Amino acid sequence: MSSTQTLRDPRAAAHGSAAANAPDRTGLLMLDGDADEPTSRACARNRLEEAFALLRRYAITAEPVEGGDPDRIAESLAGRRRSLFPDADEACAFVTTGDLARSFDADGRLVAPLALHVRGEGVADAVRAALRRVGLSVAA
């Protein structure tokens, strides 16, 4: 059994395989994988945090946030980013804390799909690459 978790883009099924490769500016990815993780690797939640840290190194705001309307959250993150860096773009990826609580068990294993919200040119591709780097993968 593979120890790789899988990210699914739910829009790909609805719009054909070309949508999964399109450079979307906003979107939703679903983290969904098997619950069997090798003990030698960090749990899925820790690996998600590693991926977010990697994205932040590439100037993409990536973090868990309190729940609410994803568009408003993205606008808030973009506004905060512009207040610090006036020429910054709107690149962000986030998960809600409520979704985190529902999707991971106490040991950090993924037990239910997790919605990952992305916004900005090329951000979905960057998120997929960061997740792959930490042992999570993207499936169409």
N, C-alpha and C. Protein backbone atom coordinates (compact mmCIF):
# COMPACT_ATOMS: atom_id res chain seq x y z
N MET A 1 0.84 -1.18 0.00
CA MET A 1 0.00 0.00 0.00
C MET A 1 0.88 1.24 0.00
N SER A 2 0.53 2.22 -0.77
CA SER A 2 1.31 3.43 -0.89
C SER A 2 1.18 4.29 0.36
N SER A 3 2.27 4.92 0.74
CA SER A 3 2.22 5.82 1.88
C SER A 3 1.99 7.25 1.43
N THR A 4 1.77 7.47 0.15
CA THR A 4 1.56 8.80 -0.37
C THR A 4 0.10 9.20 -0.23
N GLN A 5 -0.14 10.37 0.34
CA GLN A 5 -1.49 10.92 0.42
C GLN A 5 -1.82 11.49 -0.96
N THR A 6 -3.08 11.73 -1.24
CA THR A 6 -3.48 12.22 -2.55
C THR A 6 -4.30 13.49 -2.43
N LEU A 7 -3.99 14.45 -3.28
CA LEU A 7 -4.78 15.66 -3.43
C LEU A 7 -5.63 15.50 -4.66
N ARG A 8 -6.90 15.74 -4.60
CA ARG A 8 -7.76 15.67 -5.76
C ARG A 8 -8.34 17.04 -6.06
N ASP A 9 -8.36 17.39 -7.31
CA ASP A 9 -9.00 18.62 -7.73
C ASP A 9 -10.41 18.27 -8.14
N PRO A 10 -11.43 18.58 -7.33
CA PRO A 10 -12.79 18.16 -7.63
C PRO A 10 -13.34 18.79 -8.90
N ARG A 11 -12.80 19.92 -9.33
CA ARG A 11 -13.27 20.56 -10.54
C ARG A 11 -12.83 19.78 -11.77
N ALA A 12 -11.75 19.02 -11.68
CA ALA A 12 -11.25 18.27 -12.84
C ALA A 12 -12.28 17.27 -13.32
N ALA A 13 -12.95 16.60 -12.42
CA ALA A 13 -13.97 15.62 -12.82
C ALA A 13 -15.16 16.30 -13.48
N ALA A 14 -15.50 17.47 -13.01
CA ALA A 14 -16.66 18.16 -13.56
C ALA A 14 -16.37 18.83 -14.90
N HIS A 15 -15.12 19.22 -15.14
CA HIS A 15 -14.78 19.98 -16.34
C HIS A 15 -13.82 19.25 -17.27
N GLY A 16 -13.57 17.99 -17.04
CA GLY A 16 -12.64 17.25 -17.90
C GLY A 16 -11.22 17.40 -17.42
N SER A 17 -10.32 16.61 -17.99
CA SER A 17 -8.93 16.59 -17.51
C SER A 17 -8.20 17.88 -17.81
N ALA A 18 -8.60 18.66 -18.80
CA ALA A 18 -7.91 19.91 -19.12
C ALA A 18 -8.01 20.90 -17.96
N ALA A 19 -9.12 20.87 -17.21
CA ALA A 19 -9.29 21.81 -16.10
C ALA A 19 -8.26 21.59 -15.01
N ALA A 20 -7.81 20.38 -14.83
CA ALA A 20 -6.85 20.10 -13.77
C ALA A 20 -5.51 20.75 -14.08
N ASN A 21 -5.21 20.97 -15.36
CA ASN A 21 -3.94 21.56 -15.74
C ASN A 21 -4.04 23.04 -16.06
N ALA A 22 -5.24 23.61 -16.04
CA ALA A 22 -5.43 25.01 -16.36
C ALA A 22 -4.86 25.89 -15.25
N PRO A 23 -4.29 27.03 -15.60
CA PRO A 23 -3.71 27.92 -14.59
C PRO A 23 -4.79 28.74 -13.89
N ASP A 24 -5.56 28.12 -13.03
CA ASP A 24 -6.65 28.79 -12.32
C ASP A 24 -6.10 29.83 -11.36
N ARG A 25 -6.86 30.91 -11.19
CA ARG A 25 -6.48 31.95 -10.24
C ARG A 25 -7.07 31.67 -8.87
N THR A 26 -8.21 31.02 -8.81
CA THR A 26 -8.80 30.64 -7.53
C THR A 26 -9.26 29.20 -7.65
N GLY A 27 -9.39 28.54 -6.54
CA GLY A 27 -9.84 27.17 -6.63
C GLY A 27 -9.87 26.46 -5.31
N LEU A 28 -10.20 25.20 -5.42
CA LEU A 28 -10.34 24.33 -4.27
C LEU A 28 -9.71 23.00 -4.61
N LEU A 29 -8.80 22.54 -3.78
CA LEU A 29 -8.20 21.23 -3.92
C LEU A 29 -8.63 20.41 -2.71
N MET A 30 -8.71 19.10 -2.88
CA MET A 30 -9.11 18.25 -1.76
C MET A 30 -7.97 17.31 -1.40
N LEU A 31 -7.50 17.39 -0.19
CA LEU A 31 -6.51 16.47 0.33
C LEU A 31 -7.27 15.24 0.78
N ASP A 32 -6.95 14.09 0.19
CA ASP A 32 -7.69 12.87 0.47
C ASP A 32 -6.76 11.70 0.23
N GLY A 33 -6.49 10.91 1.24
CA GLY A 33 -5.57 9.80 1.05
C GLY A 33 -5.82 8.68 2.02
N ASP A 34 -4.98 7.64 1.92
CA ASP A 34 -5.16 6.51 2.82
C ASP A 34 -4.71 6.88 4.23
N ALA A 35 -5.21 6.17 5.20
CA ALA A 35 -4.89 6.46 6.59
C ALA A 35 -3.64 5.73 7.07
N ASP A 36 -3.09 4.85 6.24
CA ASP A 36 -1.90 4.10 6.62
C ASP A 36 -0.65 4.91 6.32
N GLU A 37 0.00 5.39 7.35
CA GLU A 37 1.21 6.17 7.17
C GLU A 37 2.34 5.44 7.87
N PRO A 38 3.51 5.38 7.23
CA PRO A 38 4.64 4.71 7.87
C PRO A 38 5.07 5.49 9.11
N THR A 39 5.49 4.78 10.12
CA THR A 39 5.90 5.44 11.36
C THR A 39 7.19 6.23 11.17
N SER A 40 7.94 5.95 10.11
CA SER A 40 9.19 6.67 9.89
C SER A 40 8.97 8.06 9.28
N ARG A 41 7.75 8.37 8.84
CA ARG A 41 7.45 9.67 8.25
C ARG A 41 6.56 10.45 9.19
N ALA A 42 6.63 11.76 9.05
CA ALA A 42 5.75 12.61 9.83
C ALA A 42 4.30 12.35 9.41
N CYS A 43 3.38 12.58 10.31
CA CYS A 43 1.97 12.38 10.00
C CYS A 43 1.54 13.37 8.91
N ALA A 44 0.41 13.11 8.32
CA ALA A 44 -0.08 13.92 7.21
C ALA A 44 -0.26 15.39 7.61
N ARG A 45 -0.74 15.64 8.82
CA ARG A 45 -0.92 17.03 9.25
C ARG A 45 0.42 17.75 9.33
N ASN A 46 1.44 17.11 9.86
CA ASN A 46 2.76 17.73 9.93
C ASN A 46 3.33 17.97 8.54
N ARG A 47 3.08 17.02 7.64
CA ARG A 47 3.58 17.20 6.27
C ARG A 47 2.85 18.35 5.58
N LEU A 48 1.56 18.52 5.87
CA LEU A 48 0.84 19.66 5.33
C LEU A 48 1.45 20.97 5.85
N GLU A 49 1.80 21.00 7.12
CA GLU A 49 2.44 22.18 7.70
C GLU A 49 3.80 22.44 7.05
N GLU A 50 4.54 21.37 6.73
CA GLU A 50 5.82 21.52 6.03
C GLU A 50 5.59 22.12 4.65
N ALA A 51 4.57 21.66 3.95
CA ALA A 51 4.26 22.19 2.63
C ALA A 51 3.91 23.68 2.72
N PHE A 52 3.13 24.06 3.73
CA PHE A 52 2.79 25.47 3.91
C PHE A 52 4.04 26.30 4.18
N ALA A 53 4.96 25.77 4.98
CA ALA A 53 6.22 26.49 5.24
C ALA A 53 7.01 26.68 3.94
N LEU A 54 7.05 25.67 3.13
CA LEU A 54 7.74 25.77 1.84
C LEU A 54 7.08 26.84 0.97
N LEU A 55 5.76 26.86 0.91
CA LEU A 55 5.06 27.86 0.11
C LEU A 55 5.36 29.28 0.62
N ARG A 56 5.42 29.45 1.93
CA ARG A 56 5.73 30.78 2.48
C ARG A 56 7.13 31.23 2.06
N ARG A 57 8.06 30.29 1.93
CA ARG A 57 9.41 30.67 1.48
C ARG A 57 9.39 31.19 0.05
N TYR A 58 8.36 30.81 -0.70
CA TYR A 58 8.21 31.28 -2.08
C TYR A 58 7.18 32.40 -2.18
N ALA A 59 6.98 33.13 -1.10
CA ALA A 59 6.12 34.32 -1.06
C ALA A 59 4.65 34.03 -1.33
N ILE A 60 4.19 32.86 -0.92
CA ILE A 60 2.77 32.53 -0.99
C ILE A 60 2.26 32.43 0.44
N THR A 61 1.27 33.24 0.79
CA THR A 61 0.68 33.15 2.12
C THR A 61 0.02 31.78 2.23
N ALA A 62 0.41 30.99 3.20
CA ALA A 62 -0.13 29.64 3.37
C ALA A 62 -0.29 29.37 4.85
N GLU A 63 -1.54 29.16 5.27
CA GLU A 63 -1.79 28.98 6.70
C GLU A 63 -3.20 28.48 6.98
N PRO A 64 -3.40 27.93 8.16
CA PRO A 64 -4.76 27.63 8.62
C PRO A 64 -5.40 28.95 9.09
N VAL A 65 -6.69 29.10 8.85
CA VAL A 65 -7.41 30.30 9.26
C VAL A 65 -8.74 29.89 9.89
N GLU A 66 -9.32 30.81 10.65
CA GLU A 66 -10.65 30.57 11.20
C GLU A 66 -11.63 30.48 10.04
N GLY A 67 -12.68 29.69 10.21
CA GLY A 67 -13.65 29.45 9.15
C GLY A 67 -14.41 30.68 8.71
N GLY A 68 -15.12 30.51 7.63
CA GLY A 68 -15.91 31.60 7.07
C GLY A 68 -15.97 31.45 5.56
N ASP A 69 -16.41 32.51 4.90
CA ASP A 69 -16.52 32.52 3.46
C ASP A 69 -15.12 32.52 2.83
N PRO A 70 -14.78 31.53 2.00
CA PRO A 70 -13.44 31.45 1.42
C PRO A 70 -13.04 32.69 0.63
N ASP A 71 -13.97 33.32 -0.08
CA ASP A 71 -13.63 34.53 -0.84
C ASP A 71 -13.25 35.67 0.10
N ARG A 72 -13.99 35.81 1.18
CA ARG A 72 -13.66 36.87 2.16
C ARG A 72 -12.33 36.59 2.85
N ILE A 73 -12.09 35.33 3.16
CA ILE A 73 -10.81 34.97 3.78
C ILE A 73 -9.67 35.29 2.84
N ALA A 74 -9.81 34.92 1.57
CA ALA A 74 -8.76 35.20 0.58
C ALA A 74 -8.53 36.71 0.45
N GLU A 75 -9.61 37.48 0.44
CA GLU A 75 -9.48 38.94 0.36
C GLU A 75 -8.76 39.49 1.58
N SER A 76 -9.09 38.96 2.75
CA SER A 76 -8.45 39.40 3.98
C SER A 76 -6.96 39.08 3.96
N LEU A 77 -6.62 37.87 3.53
CA LEU A 77 -5.21 37.50 3.45
C LEU A 77 -4.47 38.38 2.45
N ALA A 78 -5.11 38.65 1.30
CA ALA A 78 -4.49 39.51 0.29
C ALA A 78 -4.32 40.93 0.82
N GLY A 79 -5.32 41.44 1.53
CA GLY A 79 -5.22 42.78 2.12
C GLY A 79 -4.11 42.88 3.14
N ARG A 80 -4.01 41.87 3.98
CA ARG A 80 -2.93 41.86 4.98
C ARG A 80 -1.57 41.83 4.31
N ARG A 81 -1.48 41.04 3.26
CA ARG A 81 -0.23 40.91 2.52
C ARG A 81 0.14 42.25 1.85
N ARG A 82 -0.85 42.91 1.24
CA ARG A 82 -0.58 44.20 0.59
C ARG A 82 -0.22 45.28 1.60
N SER A 83 -0.75 45.19 2.83
CA SER A 83 -0.40 46.19 3.84
C SER A 83 1.07 46.08 4.24
N LEU A 84 1.60 44.88 4.15
CA LEU A 84 3.02 44.68 4.46
C LEU A 84 3.91 44.92 3.25
N PHE A 85 3.42 44.52 2.09
CA PHE A 85 4.18 44.61 0.84
C PHE A 85 3.26 45.18 -0.23
N PRO A 86 3.27 46.49 -0.42
CA PRO A 86 2.31 47.13 -1.33
C PRO A 86 2.27 46.57 -2.75
N ASP A 87 3.36 46.03 -3.24
CA ASP A 87 3.37 45.49 -4.60
C ASP A 87 3.08 43.99 -4.65
N ALA A 88 2.69 43.42 -3.53
CA ALA A 88 2.46 41.97 -3.47
C ALA A 88 1.22 41.58 -4.27
N ASP A 89 1.24 40.35 -4.76
CA ASP A 89 0.06 39.83 -5.45
C ASP A 89 -0.84 39.15 -4.42
N GLU A 90 -1.86 38.45 -4.88
CA GLU A 90 -2.85 37.85 -3.98
C GLU A 90 -2.59 36.38 -3.70
N ALA A 91 -1.39 35.90 -3.95
CA ALA A 91 -1.08 34.48 -3.82
C ALA A 91 -1.30 33.97 -2.39
N CYS A 92 -2.23 33.02 -2.27
CA CYS A 92 -2.46 32.43 -0.95
C CYS A 92 -3.03 31.02 -1.09
N ALA A 93 -2.82 30.24 -0.05
CA ALA A 93 -3.39 28.91 0.09
C ALA A 93 -3.76 28.79 1.56
N PHE A 94 -4.95 28.27 1.83
CA PHE A 94 -5.36 28.17 3.22
C PHE A 94 -6.34 27.03 3.42
N VAL A 95 -6.41 26.61 4.67
CA VAL A 95 -7.40 25.64 5.13
C VAL A 95 -8.06 26.26 6.35
N THR A 96 -9.31 25.90 6.59
CA THR A 96 -9.97 26.43 7.79
C THR A 96 -9.67 25.52 8.98
N THR A 97 -9.63 26.11 10.15
CA THR A 97 -9.34 25.33 11.35
C THR A 97 -10.43 24.30 11.61
N GLY A 98 -11.66 24.63 11.27
CA GLY A 98 -12.76 23.66 11.42
C GLY A 98 -12.55 22.45 10.52
N ASP A 99 -12.14 22.69 9.27
CA ASP A 99 -11.87 21.59 8.35
C ASP A 99 -10.69 20.76 8.84
N LEU A 100 -9.68 21.43 9.38
CA LEU A 100 -8.53 20.69 9.93
C LEU A 100 -8.98 19.75 11.04
N ALA A 101 -9.81 20.26 11.93
CA ALA A 101 -10.28 19.45 13.06
C ALA A 101 -11.09 18.25 12.60
N ARG A 102 -11.89 18.42 11.55
CA ARG A 102 -12.70 17.32 11.03
C ARG A 102 -11.88 16.32 10.21
N SER A 103 -10.82 16.79 9.57
CA SER A 103 -10.08 15.95 8.62
C SER A 103 -8.94 15.16 9.22
N PHE A 104 -8.43 15.56 10.37
CA PHE A 104 -7.31 14.86 10.99
C PHE A 104 -7.71 14.32 12.35
N ASP A 105 -7.20 13.13 12.66
CA ASP A 105 -7.46 12.59 13.99
C ASP A 105 -6.43 13.16 14.97
N ALA A 106 -6.49 12.73 16.21
CA ALA A 106 -5.60 13.25 17.25
C ALA A 106 -4.13 12.98 16.96
N ASP A 107 -3.84 11.93 16.18
CA ASP A 107 -2.46 11.59 15.83
C ASP A 107 -2.00 12.27 14.55
N GLY A 108 -2.85 13.11 13.95
CA GLY A 108 -2.46 13.82 12.73
C GLY A 108 -2.65 13.04 11.45
N ARG A 109 -3.35 11.91 11.54
CA ARG A 109 -3.64 11.13 10.33
C ARG A 109 -4.87 11.71 9.64
N LEU A 110 -4.83 11.72 8.32
CA LEU A 110 -5.96 12.19 7.54
C LEU A 110 -7.07 11.15 7.59
N VAL A 111 -8.23 11.55 8.10
CA VAL A 111 -9.35 10.62 8.23
C VAL A 111 -10.55 11.03 7.39
N ALA A 112 -10.52 12.22 6.81
CA ALA A 112 -11.59 12.72 5.94
C ALA A 112 -10.97 13.71 4.97
N PRO A 113 -11.58 13.90 3.81
CA PRO A 113 -11.04 14.87 2.84
C PRO A 113 -10.90 16.26 3.45
N LEU A 114 -9.88 16.97 3.05
CA LEU A 114 -9.59 18.31 3.55
C LEU A 114 -9.61 19.29 2.38
N ALA A 115 -10.41 20.33 2.48
CA ALA A 115 -10.47 21.36 1.45
C ALA A 115 -9.30 22.31 1.60
N LEU A 116 -8.55 22.48 0.52
CA LEU A 116 -7.45 23.45 0.46
C LEU A 116 -7.86 24.53 -0.52
N HIS A 117 -7.96 25.75 -0.06
CA HIS A 117 -8.38 26.87 -0.90
C HIS A 117 -7.13 27.55 -1.44
N VAL A 118 -7.13 27.88 -2.73
CA VAL A 118 -5.99 28.54 -3.35
C VAL A 118 -6.46 29.76 -4.12
N ARG A 119 -5.59 30.76 -4.20
CA ARG A 119 -5.91 31.97 -4.95
C ARG A 119 -4.63 32.57 -5.49
N GLY A 120 -4.67 32.99 -6.73
CA GLY A 120 -3.54 33.65 -7.35
C GLY A 120 -3.02 32.87 -8.55
N GLU A 121 -2.39 33.57 -9.43
CA GLU A 121 -1.85 32.98 -10.65
C GLU A 121 -0.80 31.94 -10.32
N GLY A 122 -1.01 30.71 -10.75
CA GLY A 122 -0.04 29.64 -10.56
C GLY A 122 0.02 29.04 -9.17
N VAL A 123 -0.82 29.51 -8.26
CA VAL A 123 -0.76 29.03 -6.87
C VAL A 123 -1.14 27.55 -6.77
N ALA A 124 -2.15 27.12 -7.51
CA ALA A 124 -2.56 25.71 -7.45
C ALA A 124 -1.39 24.81 -7.84
N ASP A 125 -0.65 25.19 -8.88
CA ASP A 125 0.51 24.40 -9.29
C ASP A 125 1.59 24.40 -8.21
N ALA A 126 1.82 25.56 -7.58
CA ALA A 126 2.82 25.64 -6.52
C ALA A 126 2.42 24.79 -5.32
N VAL A 127 1.13 24.79 -4.98
CA VAL A 127 0.64 23.98 -3.86
C VAL A 127 0.85 22.51 -4.17
N ARG A 128 0.48 22.09 -5.39
CA ARG A 128 0.69 20.70 -5.77
C ARG A 128 2.16 20.30 -5.65
N ALA A 129 3.06 21.17 -6.13
CA ALA A 129 4.50 20.86 -6.08
C ALA A 129 4.99 20.78 -4.64
N ALA A 130 4.56 21.70 -3.78
CA ALA A 130 4.98 21.68 -2.38
C ALA A 130 4.48 20.42 -1.68
N LEU A 131 3.25 20.04 -1.97
CA LEU A 131 2.69 18.84 -1.35
C LEU A 131 3.44 17.58 -1.81
N ARG A 132 3.74 17.53 -3.10
CA ARG A 132 4.53 16.39 -3.60
C ARG A 132 5.88 16.31 -2.91
N ARG A 133 6.49 17.45 -2.70
CA ARG A 133 7.83 17.48 -2.08
C ARG A 133 7.83 16.90 -0.67
N VAL A 134 6.72 17.02 0.04
CA VAL A 134 6.65 16.49 1.41
C VAL A 134 5.96 15.14 1.47
N GLY A 135 5.74 14.52 0.31
CA GLY A 135 5.17 13.18 0.30
C GLY A 135 3.68 13.13 0.11
N LEU A 136 3.06 14.24 -0.25
CA LEU A 136 1.65 14.27 -0.58
C LEU A 136 1.58 14.43 -2.10
N SER A 137 0.57 13.88 -2.73
CA SER A 137 0.54 13.97 -4.18
C SER A 137 -0.80 14.46 -4.68
N VAL A 138 -0.81 14.88 -5.94
CA VAL A 138 -2.01 15.41 -6.57
C VAL A 138 -2.52 14.40 -7.58
N ALA A 139 -3.80 14.14 -7.54
CA ALA A 139 -4.43 13.28 -8.53
C ALA A 139 -5.59 14.02 -9.15
N ALA A 140 -5.76 13.84 -10.45
CA ALA A 140 -6.88 14.51 -11.14
C ALA A 140 -8.16 13.76 -10.92
